[in-house]
Amino acid sequence: MRDLDLLSDYLLRLRQERLQLAHAEALTTKADLSHIKVHAHEAELCTRIRDAMKVLERDAGQFIEEFLK
């Protein structure tokens, strides 16, 4: 499942990028809190997808039960 590992690595980097962007915007004096929240939500979504991929890799039946109800 090399493809899933590559996608997982990409999601981890995307999460880091989103958090760094939110942090950088938070440090600016003209920071808009709504943009910071959006970046944080994007980072959380990346984490949730990576976690779901781990479940899929272990057990497709559990993945279907948990995420595709």
PDB file of N, CA and C in Angstrom:
ATOM      1  N   MET A   1       0.823  -1.197   0.000  1.00  0.00           N
ATOM      2  CA  MET A   1       0.000   0.000   0.000  1.00  0.00           C
ATOM      3  C   MET A   1       0.862   1.253   0.000  1.00  0.00           C
ATOM      4  N   ARG A   2       1.821   1.262  -0.828  1.00  0.00           N
ATOM      5  CA  ARG A   2       2.741   2.396  -0.939  1.00  0.00           C
ATOM      6  C   ARG A   2       2.002   3.693  -1.277  1.00  0.00           C
ATOM      7  N   ASP A   3       0.948   3.588  -2.092  1.00  0.00           N
ATOM      8  CA  ASP A   3       0.199   4.779  -2.472  1.00  0.00           C
ATOM      9  C   ASP A   3      -0.441   5.451  -1.264  1.00  0.00           C
ATOM     10  N   LEU A   4      -0.977   4.643  -0.353  1.00  0.00           N
ATOM     11  CA  LEU A   4      -1.578   5.210   0.850  1.00  0.00           C
ATOM     12  C   LEU A   4      -0.532   5.869   1.739  1.00  0.00           C
ATOM     13  N   ASP A   5       0.666   5.305   1.777  1.00  0.00           N
ATOM     14  CA  ASP A   5       1.747   5.918   2.556  1.00  0.00           C
ATOM     15  C   ASP A   5       2.130   7.278   1.974  1.00  0.00           C
ATOM     16  N   LEU A   6       2.195   7.356   0.656  1.00  0.00           N
ATOM     17  CA  LEU A   6       2.516   8.629   0.007  1.00  0.00           C
ATOM     18  C   LEU A   6       1.431   9.669   0.267  1.00  0.00           C
ATOM     19  N   LEU A   7       0.187   9.244   0.176  1.00  0.00           N
ATOM     20  CA  LEU A   7      -0.916  10.162   0.439  1.00  0.00           C
ATOM     21  C   LEU A   7      -0.909  10.614   1.895  1.00  0.00           C
ATOM     22  N   SER A   8      -0.585   9.704   2.796  1.00  0.00           N
ATOM     23  CA  SER A   8      -0.503  10.048   4.209  1.00  0.00           C
ATOM     24  C   SER A   8       0.599  11.082   4.458  1.00  0.00           C
ATOM     25  N   ASP A   9       1.734  10.894   3.832  1.00  0.00           N
ATOM     26  CA  ASP A   9       2.829  11.864   3.954  1.00  0.00           C
ATOM     27  C   ASP A   9       2.420  13.227   3.407  1.00  0.00           C
ATOM     28  N   TYR A  10       1.721  13.216   2.286  1.00  0.00           N
ATOM     29  CA  TYR A  10       1.245  14.470   1.700  1.00  0.00           C
ATOM     30  C   TYR A  10       0.289  15.172   2.658  1.00  0.00           C
ATOM     31  N   LEU A  11      -0.634  14.427   3.242  1.00  0.00           N
ATOM     32  CA  LEU A  11      -1.592  15.027   4.171  1.00  0.00           C
ATOM     33  C   LEU A  11      -0.903  15.591   5.405  1.00  0.00           C
ATOM     34  N   LEU A  12       0.132  14.912   5.870  1.00  0.00           N
ATOM     35  CA  LEU A  12       0.883  15.416   7.016  1.00  0.00           C
ATOM     36  C   LEU A  12       1.552  16.745   6.674  1.00  0.00           C
ATOM     37  N   ARG A  13       2.147  16.818   5.502  1.00  0.00           N
ATOM     38  CA  ARG A  13       2.790  18.080   5.080  1.00  0.00           C
ATOM     39  C   ARG A  13       1.766  19.183   4.858  1.00  0.00           C
ATOM     40  N   LEU A  14       0.627  18.818   4.286  1.00  0.00           N
ATOM     41  CA  LEU A  14      -0.435  19.799   4.073  1.00  0.00           C
ATOM     42  C   LEU A  14      -0.945  20.327   5.407  1.00  0.00           C
ATOM     43  N   ARG A  15      -1.075  19.438   6.388  1.00  0.00           N
ATOM     44  CA  ARG A  15      -1.499  19.852   7.727  1.00  0.00           C
ATOM     45  C   ARG A  15      -0.508  20.845   8.325  1.00  0.00           C
ATOM     46  N   GLN A  16       0.785  20.530   8.216  1.00  0.00           N
ATOM     47  CA  GLN A  16       1.816  21.424   8.737  1.00  0.00           C
ATOM     48  C   GLN A  16       1.774  22.781   8.033  1.00  0.00           C
ATOM     49  N   GLU A  17       1.574  22.740   6.737  1.00  0.00           N
ATOM     50  CA  GLU A  17       1.504  23.977   5.958  1.00  0.00           C
ATOM     51  C   GLU A  17       0.331  24.841   6.415  1.00  0.00           C
ATOM     52  N   ARG A  18      -0.822  24.224   6.612  1.00  0.00           N
ATOM     53  CA  ARG A  18      -2.013  24.954   7.049  1.00  0.00           C
ATOM     54  C   ARG A  18      -1.803  25.556   8.438  1.00  0.00           C
ATOM     55  N   LEU A  19      -1.193  24.796   9.345  1.00  0.00           N
ATOM     56  CA  LEU A  19      -0.951  25.313  10.692  1.00  0.00           C
ATOM     57  C   LEU A  19       0.072  26.441  10.680  1.00  0.00           C
ATOM     58  N   GLN A  20       1.099  26.316   9.851  1.00  0.00           N
ATOM     59  CA  GLN A  20       2.100  27.381   9.752  1.00  0.00           C
ATOM     60  C   GLN A  20       1.473  28.643   9.176  1.00  0.00           C
ATOM     61  N   LEU A  21       0.605  28.474   8.203  1.00  0.00           N
ATOM     62  CA  LEU A  21      -0.075  29.632   7.618  1.00  0.00           C
ATOM     63  C   LEU A  21      -0.970  30.310   8.652  1.00  0.00           C
ATOM     64  N   ALA A  22      -1.693  29.512   9.418  1.00  0.00           N
ATOM     65  CA  ALA A  22      -2.546  30.082  10.466  1.00  0.00           C
ATOM     66  C   ALA A  22      -1.705  30.820  11.506  1.00  0.00           C
ATOM     67  N   HIS A  23      -0.579  30.245  11.867  1.00  0.00           N
ATOM     68  CA  HIS A  23       0.308  30.876  12.841  1.00  0.00           C
ATOM     69  C   HIS A  23       0.850  32.192  12.293  1.00  0.00           C
ATOM     70  N   ALA A  24       1.283  32.178  11.051  1.00  0.00           N
ATOM     71  CA  ALA A  24       1.818  33.401  10.443  1.00  0.00           C
ATOM     72  C   ALA A  24       0.752  34.488  10.379  1.00  0.00           C
ATOM     73  N   GLU A  25      -0.467  34.107  10.033  1.00  0.00           N
ATOM     74  CA  GLU A  25      -1.550  35.097   9.978  1.00  0.00           C
ATOM     75  C   GLU A  25      -1.897  35.606  11.368  1.00  0.00           C
ATOM     76  N   ALA A  26      -1.798  34.744  12.371  1.00  0.00           N
ATOM     77  CA  ALA A  26      -2.101  35.166  13.736  1.00  0.00           C
ATOM     78  C   ALA A  26      -1.089  36.194  14.236  1.00  0.00           C
ATOM     79  N   LEU A  27       0.126  36.118  13.715  1.00  0.00           N
ATOM     80  CA  LEU A  27       1.164  37.047  14.143  1.00  0.00           C
ATOM     81  C   LEU A  27       1.072  38.420  13.474  1.00  0.00           C
ATOM     82  N   THR A  28       0.358  38.497  12.379  1.00  0.00           N
ATOM     83  CA  THR A  28       0.237  39.787  11.694  1.00  0.00           C
ATOM     84  C   THR A  28      -0.760  40.667  12.443  1.00  0.00           C
ATOM     85  N   THR A  29      -0.557  41.934  12.352  1.00  0.00           N
ATOM     86  CA  THR A  29      -1.445  42.864  13.061  1.00  0.00           C
ATOM     87  C   THR A  29      -2.800  42.970  12.389  1.00  0.00           C
ATOM     88  N   LYS A  30      -2.867  42.622  11.107  1.00  0.00           N
ATOM     89  CA  LYS A  30      -4.136  42.722  10.374  1.00  0.00           C
ATOM     90  C   LYS A  30      -4.790  41.354  10.217  1.00  0.00           C
ATOM     91  N   ALA A  31      -4.489  40.439  11.112  1.00  0.00           N
ATOM     92  CA  ALA A  31      -4.997  39.072  11.006  1.00  0.00           C
ATOM     93  C   ALA A  31      -6.512  39.038  11.151  1.00  0.00           C
ATOM     94  N   ASP A  32      -7.143  38.292  10.271  1.00  0.00           N
ATOM     95  CA  ASP A  32      -8.581  38.075  10.324  1.00  0.00           C
ATOM     96  C   ASP A  32      -8.813  36.712  10.981  1.00  0.00           C
ATOM     97  N   LEU A  33      -9.482  36.720  12.108  1.00  0.00           N
ATOM     98  CA  LEU A  33      -9.661  35.486  12.856  1.00  0.00           C
ATOM     99  C   LEU A  33     -10.384  34.409  12.060  1.00  0.00           C
ATOM    100  N   SER A  34     -11.268  34.803  11.156  1.00  0.00           N
ATOM    101  CA  SER A  34     -11.992  33.790  10.383  1.00  0.00           C
ATOM    102  C   SER A  34     -11.035  33.005   9.486  1.00  0.00           C
ATOM    103  N   HIS A  35     -10.023  33.662   8.931  1.00  0.00           N
ATOM    104  CA  HIS A  35      -9.044  32.957   8.101  1.00  0.00           C
ATOM    105  C   HIS A  35      -8.197  32.001   8.939  1.00  0.00           C
ATOM    106  N   ILE A  36      -7.862  32.420  10.127  1.00  0.00           N
ATOM    107  CA  ILE A  36      -7.075  31.576  11.023  1.00  0.00           C
ATOM    108  C   ILE A  36      -7.874  30.325  11.381  1.00  0.00           C
ATOM    109  N   LYS A  37      -9.162  30.501  11.673  1.00  0.00           N
ATOM    110  CA  LYS A  37     -10.014  29.354  11.986  1.00  0.00           C
ATOM    111  C   LYS A  37     -10.139  28.413  10.800  1.00  0.00           C
ATOM    112  N   VAL A  38     -10.244  28.956   9.610  1.00  0.00           N
ATOM    113  CA  VAL A  38     -10.355  28.122   8.410  1.00  0.00           C
ATOM    114  C   VAL A  38      -9.112  27.263   8.251  1.00  0.00           C
ATOM    115  N   HIS A  39      -7.939  27.851   8.418  1.00  0.00           N
ATOM    116  CA  HIS A  39      -6.692  27.095   8.291  1.00  0.00           C
ATOM    117  C   HIS A  39      -6.602  26.002   9.363  1.00  0.00           C
ATOM    118  N   ALA A  40      -7.051  26.308  10.562  1.00  0.00           N
ATOM    119  CA  ALA A  40      -7.045  25.311  11.631  1.00  0.00           C
ATOM    120  C   ALA A  40      -8.006  24.163  11.311  1.00  0.00           C
ATOM    121  N   HIS A  41      -9.159  24.480  10.754  1.00  0.00           N
ATOM    122  CA  HIS A  41     -10.114  23.440  10.362  1.00  0.00           C
ATOM    123  C   HIS A  41      -9.555  22.585   9.225  1.00  0.00           C
ATOM    124  N   GLU A  42      -8.850  23.209   8.300  1.00  0.00           N
ATOM    125  CA  GLU A  42      -8.225  22.451   7.212  1.00  0.00           C
ATOM    126  C   GLU A  42      -7.186  21.477   7.765  1.00  0.00           C
ATOM    127  N   ALA A  43      -6.413  21.940   8.719  1.00  0.00           N
ATOM    128  CA  ALA A  43      -5.406  21.074   9.342  1.00  0.00           C
ATOM    129  C   ALA A  43      -6.079  19.911  10.067  1.00  0.00           C
ATOM    130  N   GLU A  44      -7.160  20.187  10.762  1.00  0.00           N
ATOM    131  CA  GLU A  44      -7.896  19.124  11.461  1.00  0.00           C
ATOM    132  C   GLU A  44      -8.466  18.119  10.470  1.00  0.00           C
ATOM    133  N   LEU A  45      -8.955  18.581   9.349  1.00  0.00           N
ATOM    134  CA  LEU A  45      -9.485  17.680   8.325  1.00  0.00           C
ATOM    135  C   LEU A  45      -8.392  16.757   7.789  1.00  0.00           C
ATOM    136  N   CYS A  46      -7.211  17.285   7.591  1.00  0.00           N
ATOM    137  CA  CYS A  46      -6.082  16.451   7.147  1.00  0.00           C
ATOM    138  C   CYS A  46      -5.808  15.347   8.157  1.00  0.00           C
ATOM    139  N   THR A  47      -5.859  15.681   9.438  1.00  0.00           N
ATOM    140  CA  THR A  47      -5.635  14.688  10.489  1.00  0.00           C
ATOM    141  C   THR A  47      -6.718  13.626  10.468  1.00  0.00           C
ATOM    142  N   ARG A  48      -7.956  14.037  10.326  1.00  0.00           N
ATOM    143  CA  ARG A  48      -9.065  13.084  10.303  1.00  0.00           C
ATOM    144  C   ARG A  48      -8.968  12.145   9.104  1.00  0.00           C
ATOM    145  N   ILE A  49      -8.565  12.652   7.967  1.00  0.00           N
ATOM    146  CA  ILE A  49      -8.418  11.811   6.779  1.00  0.00           C
ATOM    147  C   ILE A  49      -7.286  10.808   6.976  1.00  0.00           C
ATOM    148  N   ARG A  50      -6.152  11.270   7.527  1.00  0.00           N
ATOM    149  CA  ARG A  50      -5.028  10.350   7.790  1.00  0.00           C
ATOM    150  C   ARG A  50      -5.450   9.246   8.753  1.00  0.00           C
ATOM    151  N   ASP A  51      -6.197   9.598   9.788  1.00  0.00           N
ATOM    152  CA  ASP A  51      -6.662   8.598  10.743  1.00  0.00           C
ATOM    153  C   ASP A  51      -7.595   7.588  10.066  1.00  0.00           C
ATOM    154  N   ALA A  52      -8.476   8.069   9.209  1.00  0.00           N
ATOM    155  CA  ALA A  52      -9.384   7.173   8.485  1.00  0.00           C
ATOM    156  C   ALA A  52      -8.605   6.260   7.547  1.00  0.00           C
ATOM    157  N   MET A  53      -7.559   6.775   6.937  1.00  0.00           N
ATOM    158  CA  MET A  53      -6.733   5.954   6.055  1.00  0.00           C
ATOM    159  C   MET A  53      -6.046   4.834   6.826  1.00  0.00           C
ATOM    160  N   LYS A  54      -5.638   5.109   8.047  1.00  0.00           N
ATOM    161  CA  LYS A  54      -5.007   4.074   8.880  1.00  0.00           C
ATOM    162  C   LYS A  54      -5.993   2.947   9.170  1.00  0.00           C
ATOM    163  N   VAL A  55      -7.244   3.323   9.442  1.00  0.00           N
ATOM    164  CA  VAL A  55      -8.276   2.319   9.688  1.00  0.00           C
ATOM    165  C   VAL A  55      -8.506   1.507   8.411  1.00  0.00           C
ATOM    166  N   LEU A  56      -8.576   2.168   7.273  1.00  0.00           N
ATOM    167  CA  LEU A  56      -8.774   1.481   5.995  1.00  0.00           C
ATOM    168  C   LEU A  56      -7.652   0.492   5.719  1.00  0.00           C
ATOM    169  N   GLU A  57      -6.443   0.895   6.024  1.00  0.00           N
ATOM    170  CA  GLU A  57      -5.289   0.032   5.777  1.00  0.00           C
ATOM    171  C   GLU A  57      -5.333  -1.221   6.663  1.00  0.00           C
ATOM    172  N   ARG A  58      -5.793  -1.067   7.895  1.00  0.00           N
ATOM    173  CA  ARG A  58      -5.874  -2.200   8.829  1.00  0.00           C
ATOM    174  C   ARG A  58      -7.042  -3.117   8.516  1.00  0.00           C
ATOM    175  N   ASP A  59      -8.246  -2.509   8.309  1.00  0.00           N
ATOM    176  CA  ASP A  59      -9.456  -3.321   8.192  1.00  0.00           C
ATOM    177  C   ASP A  59     -10.514  -2.571   7.380  1.00  0.00           C
ATOM    178  N   ALA A  60     -10.734  -3.021   6.155  1.00  0.00           N
ATOM    179  CA  ALA A  60     -11.707  -2.361   5.278  1.00  0.00           C
ATOM    180  C   ALA A  60     -13.120  -2.444   5.852  1.00  0.00           C
ATOM    181  N   GLY A  61     -13.453  -3.552   6.509  1.00  0.00           N
ATOM    182  CA  GLY A  61     -14.779  -3.694   7.101  1.00  0.00           C
ATOM    183  C   GLY A  61     -15.032  -2.675   8.188  1.00  0.00           C
ATOM    184  N   GLN A  62     -14.039  -2.466   9.029  1.00  0.00           N
ATOM    185  CA  GLN A  62     -14.168  -1.467  10.097  1.00  0.00           C
ATOM    186  C   GLN A  62     -14.278  -0.071   9.493  1.00  0.00           C
ATOM    187  N   PHE A  63     -13.519   0.176   8.428  1.00  0.00           N
ATOM    188  CA  PHE A  63     -13.586   1.479   7.759  1.00  0.00           C
ATOM    189  C   PHE A  63     -15.000   1.741   7.260  1.00  0.00           C
ATOM    190  N   ILE A  64     -15.588   0.747   6.603  1.00  0.00           N
ATOM    191  CA  ILE A  64     -16.945   0.897   6.081  1.00  0.00           C
ATOM    192  C   ILE A  64     -17.922   1.141   7.220  1.00  0.00           C
ATOM    193  N   GLU A  65     -17.764   0.384   8.291  1.00  0.00           N
ATOM    194  CA  GLU A  65     -18.670   0.530   9.445  1.00  0.00           C
ATOM    195  C   GLU A  65     -18.547   1.903  10.099  1.00  0.00           C
ATOM    196  N   GLU A  66     -17.328   2.387  10.241  1.00  0.00           N
ATOM    197  CA  GLU A  66     -17.105   3.663  10.927  1.00  0.00           C
ATOM    198  C   GLU A  66     -17.408   4.883  10.060  1.00  0.00           C
ATOM    199  N   PHE A  67     -17.005   4.845   8.809  1.00  0.00           N
ATOM    200  CA  PHE A  67     -17.009   6.062   8.000  1.00  0.00           C
ATOM    201  C   PHE A  67     -18.032   6.089   6.876  1.00  0.00           C
ATOM    202  N   LEU A  68     -18.601   4.950   6.524  1.00  0.00           N
ATOM    203  CA  LEU A  68     -19.529   4.924   5.387  1.00  0.00           C
ATOM    204  C   LEU A  68     -20.916   4.449   5.780  1.00  0.00           C
ATOM    205  N   LYS A  69     -21.307   4.731   6.989  1.00  0.00           N
ATOM    206  CA  LYS A  69     -22.655   4.361   7.449  1.00  0.00           C
ATOM    207  C   LYS A  69     -23.698   5.168   6.726  1.00  0.00           C
TER     208      LYS A  69
END
